[in-house]
């Protein structure tokens, strides 16, 4: 944890927790000190390369796509919460509860 604290400062505990759930965190900035699209992709919980391996996208375009994206875990929870008491039209089977 000492190495994490030195690297991430006050965010070390959160980064370490997320690394346990996902994968090791990439560097937050690139060689020029700019925000890394790989870090944003990781922070959103996306698979490695989900956006960053699209070679036709510039770093700026990758960050735009990520910024306009939805964190999958948040979308899943929102869908679950918003549809909990929704009555179906009768043409679809009831989902299991």
N, C-alpha and C. Protein backbone atom coordinates (compact mmCIF):
# COMPACT_ATOMS: atom_id res chain seq x y z
N UNK A 1 0.83 -1.21 0.00
CA UNK A 1 0.00 0.00 0.00
C UNK A 1 0.86 1.26 0.00
N UNK A 2 2.09 1.15 0.50
CA UNK A 2 2.98 2.32 0.54
C UNK A 2 3.29 2.81 -0.87
N UNK A 3 3.51 1.87 -1.80
CA UNK A 3 3.79 2.26 -3.18
C UNK A 3 2.57 2.93 -3.79
N UNK A 4 1.38 2.40 -3.50
CA UNK A 4 0.15 3.00 -4.02
C UNK A 4 -0.05 4.39 -3.46
N UNK A 5 0.23 4.55 -2.17
CA UNK A 5 0.08 5.87 -1.54
C UNK A 5 1.03 6.88 -2.18
N UNK A 6 2.25 6.43 -2.47
CA UNK A 6 3.22 7.34 -3.09
C UNK A 6 2.78 7.72 -4.50
N UNK A 7 2.20 6.78 -5.22
CA UNK A 7 1.81 7.04 -6.61
C UNK A 7 0.50 7.82 -6.72
N UNK A 8 -0.49 7.45 -5.88
CA UNK A 8 -1.83 7.98 -6.05
C UNK A 8 -2.25 8.99 -4.98
N UNK A 9 -1.43 9.16 -3.95
CA UNK A 9 -1.77 10.13 -2.90
C UNK A 9 -3.07 9.81 -2.22
N UNK A 10 -3.92 10.81 -2.05
CA UNK A 10 -5.18 10.64 -1.32
C UNK A 10 -6.16 9.68 -2.03
N UNK A 11 -5.91 9.35 -3.29
CA UNK A 11 -6.79 8.46 -4.03
C UNK A 11 -6.34 7.01 -3.99
N UNK A 12 -5.29 6.71 -3.26
CA UNK A 12 -4.69 5.38 -3.25
C UNK A 12 -5.69 4.29 -2.87
N UNK A 13 -6.48 4.51 -1.84
CA UNK A 13 -7.43 3.47 -1.40
C UNK A 13 -8.46 3.18 -2.49
N UNK A 14 -8.99 4.22 -3.11
CA UNK A 14 -9.99 4.03 -4.17
C UNK A 14 -9.38 3.35 -5.38
N UNK A 15 -8.19 3.76 -5.77
CA UNK A 15 -7.53 3.15 -6.92
C UNK A 15 -7.25 1.68 -6.64
N UNK A 16 -6.75 1.39 -5.45
CA UNK A 16 -6.44 0.00 -5.08
C UNK A 16 -7.69 -0.86 -5.10
N UNK A 17 -8.81 -0.35 -4.58
CA UNK A 17 -10.08 -1.10 -4.60
C UNK A 17 -10.50 -1.39 -6.04
N UNK A 18 -10.43 -0.37 -6.90
CA UNK A 18 -10.86 -0.55 -8.29
C UNK A 18 -9.92 -1.50 -9.04
N UNK A 19 -8.64 -1.47 -8.71
CA UNK A 19 -7.69 -2.39 -9.33
C UNK A 19 -8.03 -3.83 -8.97
N UNK A 20 -8.48 -4.06 -7.74
CA UNK A 20 -8.87 -5.42 -7.34
C UNK A 20 -10.07 -5.91 -8.14
N UNK A 21 -10.95 -5.01 -8.51
CA UNK A 21 -12.15 -5.38 -9.25
C UNK A 21 -11.86 -5.50 -10.75
N UNK A 22 -10.99 -4.64 -11.26
CA UNK A 22 -10.76 -4.58 -12.70
C UNK A 22 -9.40 -5.16 -13.07
N UNK A 23 -8.41 -4.31 -13.17
CA UNK A 23 -7.04 -4.68 -13.55
C UNK A 23 -6.13 -3.57 -13.05
N UNK A 24 -4.81 -3.75 -13.12
CA UNK A 24 -3.92 -2.68 -12.67
C UNK A 24 -4.18 -1.37 -13.43
N UNK A 25 -4.12 -0.29 -12.70
CA UNK A 25 -4.37 1.02 -13.30
C UNK A 25 -3.23 1.43 -14.21
N UNK A 26 -3.56 1.92 -15.41
CA UNK A 26 -2.51 2.47 -16.28
C UNK A 26 -2.09 3.85 -15.75
N UNK A 27 -1.03 4.37 -16.30
CA UNK A 27 -0.59 5.71 -15.91
C UNK A 27 -1.71 6.71 -16.21
N UNK A 28 -1.94 7.65 -15.29
CA UNK A 28 -3.02 8.62 -15.51
C UNK A 28 -2.71 9.68 -16.56
N UNK A 29 -1.43 9.87 -16.84
CA UNK A 29 -1.04 10.86 -17.85
C UNK A 29 -0.08 10.24 -18.85
N UNK A 30 -0.04 10.82 -20.04
CA UNK A 30 0.88 10.31 -21.06
C UNK A 30 2.26 10.95 -20.89
N UNK A 31 3.14 10.69 -21.81
CA UNK A 31 4.52 11.19 -21.72
C UNK A 31 4.61 12.71 -21.78
N UNK A 32 3.55 13.35 -22.23
CA UNK A 32 3.52 14.82 -22.31
C UNK A 32 2.77 15.44 -21.13
N UNK A 33 2.36 14.60 -20.17
CA UNK A 33 1.66 15.11 -18.99
C UNK A 33 0.18 15.35 -19.20
N UNK A 34 -0.37 14.83 -20.30
CA UNK A 34 -1.80 15.00 -20.59
C UNK A 34 -2.58 13.80 -20.08
N UNK A 35 -3.84 13.99 -19.78
CA UNK A 35 -4.71 12.91 -19.34
C UNK A 35 -4.64 11.75 -20.33
N UNK A 36 -4.47 10.55 -19.80
CA UNK A 36 -4.36 9.35 -20.63
C UNK A 36 -5.74 8.76 -20.91
N UNK A 37 -6.04 8.52 -22.17
CA UNK A 37 -7.32 7.90 -22.51
C UNK A 37 -7.38 6.47 -21.97
N UNK A 38 -6.23 5.80 -21.86
CA UNK A 38 -6.20 4.46 -21.28
C UNK A 38 -6.64 4.49 -19.81
N UNK A 39 -6.24 5.55 -19.08
CA UNK A 39 -6.64 5.69 -17.68
C UNK A 39 -8.15 5.92 -17.57
N UNK A 40 -8.68 6.78 -18.41
CA UNK A 40 -10.12 7.06 -18.39
C UNK A 40 -10.90 5.78 -18.72
N UNK A 41 -10.45 5.04 -19.72
CA UNK A 41 -11.07 3.77 -20.09
C UNK A 41 -11.08 2.82 -18.89
N UNK A 42 -9.96 2.72 -18.19
CA UNK A 42 -9.85 1.86 -17.00
C UNK A 42 -10.79 2.36 -15.90
N UNK A 43 -10.78 3.67 -15.65
CA UNK A 43 -11.60 4.23 -14.57
C UNK A 43 -13.10 3.99 -14.81
N UNK A 44 -13.49 3.92 -16.07
CA UNK A 44 -14.89 3.67 -16.40
C UNK A 44 -15.25 2.18 -16.29
N UNK A 45 -14.24 1.34 -16.08
CA UNK A 45 -14.51 -0.09 -15.95
C UNK A 45 -14.67 -0.80 -17.28
N UNK A 46 -14.20 -0.17 -18.35
CA UNK A 46 -14.29 -0.78 -19.67
C UNK A 46 -13.13 -1.76 -19.88
N UNK A 47 -13.33 -2.71 -20.74
CA UNK A 47 -12.26 -3.65 -21.08
C UNK A 47 -11.11 -2.88 -21.71
N UNK A 48 -9.89 -3.34 -21.46
CA UNK A 48 -8.71 -2.71 -22.03
C UNK A 48 -8.84 -2.70 -23.56
N UNK A 49 -8.68 -1.53 -24.14
CA UNK A 49 -8.74 -1.39 -25.58
C UNK A 49 -10.14 -1.16 -26.14
N UNK A 50 -11.16 -1.13 -25.30
CA UNK A 50 -12.54 -0.96 -25.78
C UNK A 50 -12.66 0.27 -26.66
N UNK A 51 -11.97 1.33 -26.28
CA UNK A 51 -11.94 2.56 -27.08
C UNK A 51 -10.53 2.83 -27.59
N UNK A 52 -9.54 2.55 -26.77
CA UNK A 52 -8.17 2.98 -27.07
C UNK A 52 -7.48 2.16 -28.15
N UNK A 53 -8.00 1.01 -28.50
CA UNK A 53 -7.39 0.23 -29.58
C UNK A 53 -7.98 0.53 -30.94
N UNK A 54 -8.88 1.48 -31.00
CA UNK A 54 -9.42 1.91 -32.29
C UNK A 54 -8.41 2.88 -32.88
N UNK A 55 -7.60 2.37 -33.78
CA UNK A 55 -6.44 3.14 -34.27
C UNK A 55 -6.82 4.37 -35.07
N UNK A 56 -8.02 4.42 -35.58
CA UNK A 56 -8.43 5.59 -36.37
C UNK A 56 -8.83 6.77 -35.49
N UNK A 57 -8.92 6.56 -34.17
CA UNK A 57 -9.29 7.65 -33.27
C UNK A 57 -8.05 8.29 -32.66
N UNK A 58 -7.99 9.59 -32.72
CA UNK A 58 -6.90 10.31 -32.05
C UNK A 58 -7.13 10.25 -30.54
N UNK A 59 -6.14 10.64 -29.77
CA UNK A 59 -6.29 10.68 -28.31
C UNK A 59 -7.46 11.58 -27.95
N UNK A 60 -7.55 12.73 -28.60
CA UNK A 60 -8.65 13.66 -28.34
C UNK A 60 -10.01 13.02 -28.64
N UNK A 61 -10.11 12.33 -29.75
CA UNK A 61 -11.37 11.65 -30.12
C UNK A 61 -11.69 10.54 -29.13
N UNK A 62 -10.67 9.83 -28.67
CA UNK A 62 -10.89 8.78 -27.66
C UNK A 62 -11.46 9.38 -26.38
N UNK A 63 -10.86 10.49 -25.93
CA UNK A 63 -11.35 11.14 -24.72
C UNK A 63 -12.77 11.67 -24.89
N UNK A 64 -13.06 12.17 -26.08
CA UNK A 64 -14.43 12.63 -26.36
C UNK A 64 -15.41 11.46 -26.30
N UNK A 65 -15.05 10.35 -26.93
CA UNK A 65 -15.92 9.17 -26.90
C UNK A 65 -16.11 8.67 -25.47
N UNK A 66 -15.03 8.63 -24.72
CA UNK A 66 -15.13 8.18 -23.33
C UNK A 66 -15.95 9.16 -22.49
N UNK A 67 -15.75 10.44 -22.71
CA UNK A 67 -16.50 11.45 -21.97
C UNK A 67 -17.98 11.45 -22.28
N UNK A 68 -18.32 11.06 -23.49
CA UNK A 68 -19.74 10.98 -23.88
C UNK A 68 -20.33 9.61 -23.60
N UNK A 69 -19.51 8.70 -23.10
CA UNK A 69 -19.96 7.34 -22.84
C UNK A 69 -20.66 7.20 -21.49
N UNK A 70 -21.11 6.01 -21.25
CA UNK A 70 -21.80 5.68 -20.01
C UNK A 70 -20.99 4.60 -19.29
N UNK A 71 -20.82 4.78 -17.99
CA UNK A 71 -20.16 3.75 -17.20
C UNK A 71 -21.11 2.56 -17.10
N UNK A 72 -20.71 1.38 -17.61
CA UNK A 72 -21.62 0.24 -17.67
C UNK A 72 -22.27 -0.12 -16.33
N UNK A 73 -21.52 -0.04 -15.24
CA UNK A 73 -22.06 -0.39 -13.94
C UNK A 73 -23.17 0.58 -13.52
N UNK A 74 -23.00 1.85 -13.85
CA UNK A 74 -24.03 2.84 -13.52
C UNK A 74 -25.27 2.63 -14.38
N UNK A 75 -25.07 2.31 -15.65
CA UNK A 75 -26.20 2.07 -16.54
C UNK A 75 -27.01 0.86 -16.09
N UNK A 76 -26.32 -0.19 -15.67
CA UNK A 76 -27.01 -1.39 -15.21
C UNK A 76 -27.84 -1.10 -13.97
N UNK A 77 -27.26 -0.38 -13.02
CA UNK A 77 -28.00 -0.04 -11.80
C UNK A 77 -29.18 0.87 -12.12
N UNK A 78 -28.98 1.87 -12.96
CA UNK A 78 -30.06 2.78 -13.31
C UNK A 78 -31.21 2.03 -13.97
N UNK A 79 -30.89 1.13 -14.88
CA UNK A 79 -31.92 0.34 -15.56
C UNK A 79 -32.70 -0.50 -14.55
N UNK A 80 -31.98 -1.12 -13.64
CA UNK A 80 -32.63 -1.95 -12.62
C UNK A 80 -33.55 -1.11 -11.74
N UNK A 81 -33.06 0.03 -11.28
CA UNK A 81 -33.87 0.88 -10.40
C UNK A 81 -35.07 1.49 -11.12
N UNK A 82 -34.87 1.90 -12.36
CA UNK A 82 -35.94 2.57 -13.09
C UNK A 82 -37.01 1.62 -13.61
N UNK A 83 -36.71 0.35 -13.71
CA UNK A 83 -37.68 -0.60 -14.25
C UNK A 83 -38.22 -1.56 -13.20
N UNK A 84 -37.90 -1.33 -11.94
CA UNK A 84 -38.29 -2.27 -10.89
C UNK A 84 -39.80 -2.50 -10.84
N UNK A 85 -40.58 -1.45 -10.87
CA UNK A 85 -42.04 -1.57 -10.77
C UNK A 85 -42.76 -1.28 -12.07
N UNK A 86 -42.11 -1.42 -13.19
CA UNK A 86 -42.73 -1.15 -14.47
C UNK A 86 -43.61 -2.33 -14.87
N UNK A 87 -44.85 -2.03 -15.17
CA UNK A 87 -45.75 -3.08 -15.64
C UNK A 87 -45.48 -3.33 -17.11
N UNK A 88 -45.46 -4.58 -17.47
CA UNK A 88 -45.25 -4.93 -18.87
C UNK A 88 -46.58 -4.92 -19.60
N UNK A 89 -46.52 -4.80 -20.91
CA UNK A 89 -47.74 -4.66 -21.71
C UNK A 89 -48.51 -5.95 -21.89
N UNK A 90 -47.97 -7.05 -21.43
CA UNK A 90 -48.64 -8.33 -21.60
C UNK A 90 -48.08 -9.13 -22.75
N UNK A 91 -47.29 -8.52 -23.60
CA UNK A 91 -46.69 -9.22 -24.73
C UNK A 91 -45.33 -9.80 -24.39
N UNK A 92 -44.87 -9.56 -23.17
CA UNK A 92 -43.55 -10.03 -22.77
C UNK A 92 -43.66 -10.76 -21.44
N UNK A 93 -42.90 -11.80 -21.26
CA UNK A 93 -42.96 -12.51 -19.98
C UNK A 93 -42.40 -11.64 -18.87
N UNK A 94 -42.89 -11.85 -17.66
CA UNK A 94 -42.38 -11.14 -16.48
C UNK A 94 -40.94 -11.56 -16.24
N UNK A 95 -40.07 -10.59 -15.97
CA UNK A 95 -38.68 -10.96 -15.65
C UNK A 95 -38.61 -11.61 -14.28
N UNK A 96 -37.64 -12.46 -14.07
CA UNK A 96 -37.49 -13.08 -12.75
C UNK A 96 -37.10 -12.04 -11.72
N UNK A 97 -37.57 -12.19 -10.53
CA UNK A 97 -37.25 -11.22 -9.45
C UNK A 97 -36.44 -11.90 -8.38
